[in-house]
Amino acid sequence: MSKKIASYDDLLEEKARLQELLAIQRETISINFGLVKDEIKPVASGISNVFITLSRFGKQPQQSPLVYFGIDLATQMVLRRWLKMKTGWFTRSVVPFVIRYYVSKLAAEKGNPLWEKIKSAFSKATS
């Protein structure tokens, strides 16, 4: 408020000035909001990529649930022996999911059955 309001005309002028100021401030806020949204886009994209990747680790193909149960059980037994108390909490919680994911992917491949891959791995190791 620049001057005292003495008449009705002064009141109308002050109202128009305040409405103009409000419109300018709204436009400034919308521009700033757009800038913040543009700055947050890479972070949001990165977070969504992390969630998508982590959700893939938990899923297993349901072609043969008994095979994947065996994979989970063997993974837990082997990793309990290797990942004792010497590793940190992050390693103990993430590594089993990663290994289960890749072993289940290996078992789900159609072209070369899992048993053939195991036999070929042992035959390479013994020769």
Protein backbone atom coordinates (compact mmCIF):
# COMPACT_ATOMS: atom_id res chain seq x y z
CA MET A 1 0.00 0.00 0.00
CA SER A 2 1.66 3.16 -1.23
CA LYS A 3 -0.73 5.80 0.10
CA LYS A 4 -3.70 6.12 2.39
CA ILE A 5 -7.08 5.27 0.99
CA ALA A 6 -9.27 8.33 1.30
CA SER A 7 -12.00 7.64 -1.24
CA TYR A 8 -13.79 4.86 -3.02
CA ASP A 9 -11.72 5.50 -6.16
CA ASP A 10 -8.52 5.03 -4.16
CA LEU A 11 -9.92 1.72 -2.90
CA LEU A 12 -10.66 0.53 -6.46
CA GLU A 13 -7.16 1.55 -7.59
CA GLU A 14 -5.60 -0.35 -4.69
CA LYS A 15 -7.71 -3.39 -5.49
CA ALA A 16 -6.60 -3.33 -9.14
CA ARG A 17 -2.96 -2.94 -8.08
CA LEU A 18 -3.20 -5.88 -5.69
CA GLN A 19 -4.92 -8.06 -8.31
CA GLU A 20 -2.15 -7.24 -10.80
CA LEU A 21 0.48 -8.07 -8.17
CA LEU A 22 -1.32 -11.36 -7.42
CA ALA A 23 -1.34 -12.31 -11.11
CA ILE A 24 2.41 -11.59 -11.39
CA GLN A 25 3.15 -13.67 -8.28
CA ARG A 26 1.02 -16.57 -9.54
CA GLU A 27 2.90 -16.54 -12.85
CA THR A 28 6.24 -16.46 -11.01
CA ILE A 29 5.19 -19.40 -8.83
CA SER A 30 4.06 -21.45 -11.85
CA ILE A 31 7.36 -20.77 -13.63
CA ASN A 32 9.35 -21.74 -10.53
CA PHE A 33 7.24 -24.89 -10.10
CA GLY A 34 7.95 -25.85 -13.71
CA LEU A 35 11.68 -25.34 -13.16
CA VAL A 36 11.66 -27.48 -10.03
CA LYS A 37 9.70 -30.18 -11.84
CA ASP A 38 12.27 -30.19 -14.66
CA GLU A 39 15.10 -30.49 -12.13
CA ILE A 40 13.38 -33.42 -10.37
CA LYS A 41 12.67 -35.41 -13.57
CA PRO A 42 16.09 -37.13 -13.71
CA VAL A 43 15.87 -38.10 -10.05
CA ALA A 44 12.36 -39.48 -10.45
CA SER A 45 13.41 -41.38 -13.55
CA GLY A 46 16.38 -42.86 -11.72
CA ILE A 47 14.25 -43.91 -8.77
CA SER A 48 11.68 -45.56 -11.04
CA ASN A 49 14.49 -47.43 -12.86
CA VAL A 50 15.83 -48.66 -9.53
CA PHE A 51 12.38 -49.87 -8.46
CA ILE A 52 11.84 -51.63 -11.80
CA THR A 53 15.22 -53.34 -11.52
CA LEU A 54 14.61 -54.39 -7.92
CA SER A 55 11.15 -55.71 -8.75
CA ARG A 56 12.69 -57.93 -11.45
CA PHE A 57 15.01 -59.52 -8.90
CA GLY A 58 12.09 -60.77 -6.84
CA LYS A 59 10.18 -62.37 -9.70
CA GLN A 60 10.89 -65.84 -11.00
CA PRO A 61 9.40 -67.62 -13.96
CA GLN A 62 6.64 -69.99 -12.86
CA GLN A 63 7.38 -72.76 -15.36
CA SER A 64 8.61 -75.21 -12.75
CA PRO A 65 8.07 -74.05 -9.18
CA LEU A 66 9.80 -77.11 -7.71
CA VAL A 67 13.02 -76.31 -9.58
CA TYR A 68 12.97 -72.72 -8.36
CA PHE A 69 12.26 -73.86 -4.80
CA GLY A 70 15.38 -76.02 -5.03
CA ILE A 71 17.35 -73.09 -6.43
CA ASP A 72 16.21 -70.88 -3.54
CA LEU A 73 17.03 -73.52 -0.96
CA ALA A 74 20.49 -74.25 -2.41
CA THR A 75 21.25 -70.54 -2.71
CA GLN A 76 20.32 -69.95 0.92
CA MET A 77 22.43 -72.87 2.14
CA VAL A 78 25.50 -71.90 0.12
CA LEU A 79 25.29 -68.20 0.91
CA ARG A 80 24.80 -68.77 4.62
CA ARG A 81 28.10 -70.57 4.65
CA TRP A 82 29.93 -67.90 2.58
CA LEU A 83 28.24 -64.73 3.76
CA LYS A 84 28.60 -65.17 7.49
CA MET A 85 29.11 -62.25 9.84
CA LYS A 86 32.14 -60.92 7.98
CA THR A 87 30.04 -59.09 5.40
CA GLY A 88 27.89 -56.03 5.90
CA TRP A 89 24.10 -55.95 6.11
CA PHE A 90 23.77 -54.65 2.55
CA THR A 91 25.75 -57.52 1.09
CA ARG A 92 23.87 -60.10 3.13
CA SER A 93 20.52 -58.73 1.99
CA VAL A 94 21.20 -57.95 -1.69
CA VAL A 95 23.56 -60.69 -2.90
CA PRO A 96 21.08 -63.58 -2.35
CA PHE A 97 18.44 -61.84 -4.48
CA VAL A 98 20.91 -61.16 -7.27
CA ILE A 99 22.25 -64.72 -7.29
CA ARG A 100 18.74 -66.23 -7.21
CA TYR A 101 17.72 -64.01 -10.08
CA TYR A 102 20.63 -65.01 -12.30
CA VAL A 103 20.45 -68.70 -11.42
CA SER A 104 16.71 -68.76 -12.16
CA LYS A 105 17.39 -66.97 -15.47
CA LEU A 106 20.01 -69.60 -16.26
CA ALA A 107 17.52 -72.36 -15.46
CA ALA A 108 14.77 -70.75 -17.55
CA GLU A 109 16.71 -70.67 -20.82
CA LYS A 110 15.09 -72.87 -23.45
CA GLY A 111 17.96 -73.76 -25.78
CA ASN A 112 20.38 -75.43 -23.37
CA PRO A 113 18.85 -77.21 -20.36
CA LEU A 114 20.26 -76.61 -16.90
CA TRP A 115 21.51 -80.16 -16.53
CA GLU A 116 23.56 -79.87 -19.73
CA LYS A 117 25.14 -76.66 -18.49
CA ILE A 118 26.07 -78.29 -15.19
CA LYS A 119 27.59 -81.29 -16.96
CA SER A 120 29.54 -79.07 -19.34
CA ALA A 121 30.83 -76.94 -16.45
CA PHE A 122 32.11 -80.03 -14.62
CA SER A 123 33.58 -81.56 -17.75
CA LYS A 124 35.54 -78.34 -18.40
CA ALA A 125 36.74 -78.27 -14.80
CA THR A 126 38.00 -81.88 -14.85
CA SER A 127 39.77 -81.72 -18.23
